[in-house]
Amino acid sequence: ATSRSMATPVAAVAAQLEKFKAAFAREDLEACVKLLAELKMGMLSFGSLPPAAPSAPSSSQQQELLLAREILEYGTLVSIKTVDIPAFERHIAQLKVYYADCGSLPAAE
């Protein structure tokens, strides 16, 4: 059995994203904003995010990129629901890199 402290950064962030998705489904925007901040802090441990994104990411790097993109996409949705225009603009600006420069990633769901 693996303990929580031994989880990879990607696994820890992925688990946190599931908590966020549950809050998002409940439309608990207060929890979403809090969890989103924690998710973004977790993304800081990812080594392959733009501008350092590799042109041909390995499987683990692709996992980081996909997770980060999904977090930013949810951030965009939360900023719309909370009518936070500056946050919306920041999320869109950050996402543009994933859509333009990380073309090897599978399409978002």
C-alpha atoms as a PDB file:
ATOM      1  CA  ALA A   1       0.000   0.000   0.000  1.00  0.00           C
ATOM      2  CA  THR A   2       1.256   3.450  -0.824  1.00  0.00           C
ATOM      3  CA  SER A   3       0.928   6.199   1.705  1.00  0.00           C
ATOM      4  CA  ARG A   4      -0.306   9.642   0.739  1.00  0.00           C
ATOM      5  CA  SER A   5       3.151  11.127   1.261  1.00  0.00           C
ATOM      6  CA  MET A   6       4.603   8.714  -1.319  1.00  0.00           C
ATOM      7  CA  ALA A   7       2.144   9.690  -4.043  1.00  0.00           C
ATOM      8  CA  THR A   8       3.652  11.308  -7.093  1.00  0.00           C
ATOM      9  CA  PRO A   9       2.909  14.997  -7.589  1.00  0.00           C
ATOM     10  CA  VAL A  10       0.737  14.078 -10.588  1.00  0.00           C
ATOM     11  CA  ALA A  11      -1.228  11.510  -8.581  1.00  0.00           C
ATOM     12  CA  ALA A  12      -1.726  13.956  -5.707  1.00  0.00           C
ATOM     13  CA  VAL A  13      -2.947  16.708  -8.044  1.00  0.00           C
ATOM     14  CA  ALA A  14      -5.179  14.247  -9.919  1.00  0.00           C
ATOM     15  CA  ALA A  15      -6.773  13.193  -6.622  1.00  0.00           C
ATOM     16  CA  GLN A  16      -7.293  16.842  -5.684  1.00  0.00           C
ATOM     17  CA  LEU A  17      -8.857  17.471  -9.107  1.00  0.00           C
ATOM     18  CA  GLU A  18     -11.430  14.771  -8.387  1.00  0.00           C
ATOM     19  CA  LYS A  19     -12.402  16.630  -5.184  1.00  0.00           C
ATOM     20  CA  PHE A  20     -12.659  19.821  -7.241  1.00  0.00           C
ATOM     21  CA  LYS A  21     -14.880  18.126  -9.844  1.00  0.00           C
ATOM     22  CA  ALA A  22     -17.239  16.949  -7.095  1.00  0.00           C
ATOM     23  CA  ALA A  23     -17.494  20.514  -5.755  1.00  0.00           C
ATOM     24  CA  PHE A  24     -17.994  21.828  -9.293  1.00  0.00           C
ATOM     25  CA  ALA A  25     -20.804  19.314  -9.890  1.00  0.00           C
ATOM     26  CA  ARG A  26     -22.465  20.536  -6.645  1.00  0.00           C
ATOM     27  CA  GLU A  27     -21.938  24.129  -7.854  1.00  0.00           C
ATOM     28  CA  ASP A  28     -20.118  24.850  -4.591  1.00  0.00           C
ATOM     29  CA  LEU A  29     -18.213  27.813  -6.017  1.00  0.00           C
ATOM     30  CA  GLU A  30     -16.604  28.747  -2.711  1.00  0.00           C
ATOM     31  CA  ALA A  31     -15.046  25.282  -2.452  1.00  0.00           C
ATOM     32  CA  CYS A  32     -14.114  25.408  -6.152  1.00  0.00           C
ATOM     33  CA  VAL A  33     -12.174  28.656  -5.740  1.00  0.00           C
ATOM     34  CA  LYS A  34     -10.305  27.251  -2.723  1.00  0.00           C
ATOM     35  CA  LEU A  35      -9.537  23.921  -4.405  1.00  0.00           C
ATOM     36  CA  LEU A  36      -8.505  25.655  -7.623  1.00  0.00           C
ATOM     37  CA  ALA A  37      -5.881  27.645  -5.727  1.00  0.00           C
ATOM     38  CA  GLU A  38      -4.565  24.378  -4.221  1.00  0.00           C
ATOM     39  CA  LEU A  39      -4.529  22.727  -7.649  1.00  0.00           C
ATOM     40  CA  LYS A  40      -2.509  25.581  -9.117  1.00  0.00           C
ATOM     41  CA  MET A  41      -0.005  25.272  -6.261  1.00  0.00           C
ATOM     42  CA  GLY A  42       0.241  21.566  -7.017  1.00  0.00           C
ATOM     43  CA  MET A  43       0.948  22.332 -10.670  1.00  0.00           C
ATOM     44  CA  LEU A  44       4.132  24.114  -9.556  1.00  0.00           C
ATOM     45  CA  SER A  45       5.703  20.694  -8.953  1.00  0.00           C
ATOM     46  CA  PHE A  46       5.225  19.726 -12.620  1.00  0.00           C
ATOM     47  CA  GLY A  47       8.471  19.994 -14.580  1.00  0.00           C
ATOM     48  CA  SER A  48       7.121  19.926 -18.120  1.00  0.00           C
ATOM     49  CA  LEU A  49       4.681  22.831 -18.227  1.00  0.00           C
ATOM     50  CA  PRO A  50       5.021  25.741 -20.656  1.00  0.00           C
ATOM     51  CA  PRO A  51       7.298  27.435 -21.453  1.00  0.00           C
ATOM     52  CA  ALA A  52       9.441  24.338 -20.791  1.00  0.00           C
ATOM     53  CA  ALA A  53       6.953  21.981 -22.461  1.00  0.00           C
ATOM     54  CA  PRO A  54       8.787  19.420 -24.594  1.00  0.00           C
ATOM     55  CA  SER A  55       7.873  19.161 -28.284  1.00  0.00           C
ATOM     56  CA  ALA A  56       7.571  15.372 -27.950  1.00  0.00           C
ATOM     57  CA  PRO A  57       6.454  14.766 -24.346  1.00  0.00           C
ATOM     58  CA  SER A  58       6.991  11.432 -22.648  1.00  0.00           C
ATOM     59  CA  SER A  59       3.979   9.662 -21.178  1.00  0.00           C
ATOM     60  CA  SER A  60       4.526  11.209 -17.727  1.00  0.00           C
ATOM     61  CA  GLN A  61       5.112  14.672 -19.215  1.00  0.00           C
ATOM     62  CA  GLN A  62       1.959  14.345 -21.306  1.00  0.00           C
ATOM     63  CA  GLN A  63       0.051  13.405 -18.149  1.00  0.00           C
ATOM     64  CA  GLU A  64       1.289  16.612 -16.467  1.00  0.00           C
ATOM     65  CA  LEU A  65       0.337  18.720 -19.479  1.00  0.00           C
ATOM     66  CA  LEU A  66      -3.136  17.202 -19.761  1.00  0.00           C
ATOM     67  CA  LEU A  67      -3.795  17.616 -16.051  1.00  0.00           C
ATOM     68  CA  ALA A  68      -2.613  21.229 -16.079  1.00  0.00           C
ATOM     69  CA  ARG A  69      -4.738  22.013 -19.138  1.00  0.00           C
ATOM     70  CA  GLU A  70      -7.823  20.501 -17.498  1.00  0.00           C
ATOM     71  CA  ILE A  71      -7.235  22.507 -14.320  1.00  0.00           C
ATOM     72  CA  LEU A  72      -6.958  25.723 -16.323  1.00  0.00           C
ATOM     73  CA  GLU A  73     -10.094  24.852 -18.303  1.00  0.00           C
ATOM     74  CA  TYR A  74     -12.005  24.379 -15.067  1.00  0.00           C
ATOM     75  CA  GLY A  75     -10.493  27.619 -13.785  1.00  0.00           C
ATOM     76  CA  THR A  76     -11.948  29.366 -16.813  1.00  0.00           C
ATOM     77  CA  LEU A  77     -15.384  27.898 -16.088  1.00  0.00           C
ATOM     78  CA  VAL A  78     -15.230  28.884 -12.408  1.00  0.00           C
ATOM     79  CA  SER A  79     -14.215  32.431 -13.324  1.00  0.00           C
ATOM     80  CA  ILE A  80     -17.253  32.648 -15.620  1.00  0.00           C
ATOM     81  CA  LYS A  81     -19.575  31.366 -12.887  1.00  0.00           C
ATOM     82  CA  THR A  82     -18.101  33.790 -10.333  1.00  0.00           C
ATOM     83  CA  VAL A  83     -18.027  36.660 -12.878  1.00  0.00           C
ATOM     84  CA  ASP A  84     -14.316  37.203 -12.278  1.00  0.00           C
ATOM     85  CA  ILE A  85     -13.256  38.775 -15.578  1.00  0.00           C
ATOM     86  CA  PRO A  86      -9.545  39.245 -14.712  1.00  0.00           C
ATOM     87  CA  ALA A  87      -9.286  35.561 -13.672  1.00  0.00           C
ATOM     88  CA  PHE A  88     -11.095  34.532 -16.862  1.00  0.00           C
ATOM     89  CA  GLU A  89      -8.606  36.508 -18.953  1.00  0.00           C
ATOM     90  CA  ARG A  90      -5.641  34.962 -17.096  1.00  0.00           C
ATOM     91  CA  HIS A  91      -6.943  31.426 -17.565  1.00  0.00           C
ATOM     92  CA  ILE A  92      -7.600  31.986 -21.276  1.00  0.00           C
ATOM     93  CA  ALA A  93      -4.115  33.455 -21.754  1.00  0.00           C
ATOM     94  CA  GLN A  94      -2.558  30.449 -20.014  1.00  0.00           C
ATOM     95  CA  LEU A  95      -4.673  27.969 -21.989  1.00  0.00           C
ATOM     96  CA  LYS A  96      -3.707  29.453 -25.356  1.00  0.00           C
ATOM     97  CA  VAL A  97      -0.221  28.001 -24.887  1.00  0.00           C
ATOM     98  CA  TYR A  98      -1.641  24.499 -24.431  1.00  0.00           C
ATOM     99  CA  TYR A  99      -3.816  24.773 -27.532  1.00  0.00           C
ATOM    100  CA  ALA A 100      -1.201  26.463 -29.757  1.00  0.00           C
ATOM    101  CA  ASP A 101       2.174  25.102 -28.604  1.00  0.00           C
ATOM    102  CA  CYS A 102       1.278  21.676 -27.252  1.00  0.00           C
ATOM    103  CA  GLY A 103      -0.291  20.336 -30.427  1.00  0.00           C
ATOM    104  CA  SER A 104       0.774  16.780 -29.650  1.00  0.00           C
ATOM    105  CA  LEU A 105      -1.744  16.596 -26.788  1.00  0.00           C
ATOM    106  CA  PRO A 106      -5.037  14.790 -27.388  1.00  0.00           C
ATOM    107  CA  ALA A 107      -8.087  17.011 -27.746  1.00  0.00           C
ATOM    108  CA  ALA A 108      -9.760  18.165 -24.542  1.00  0.00           C
ATOM    109  CA  GLU A 109     -12.938  16.362 -23.555  1.00  0.00           C
END
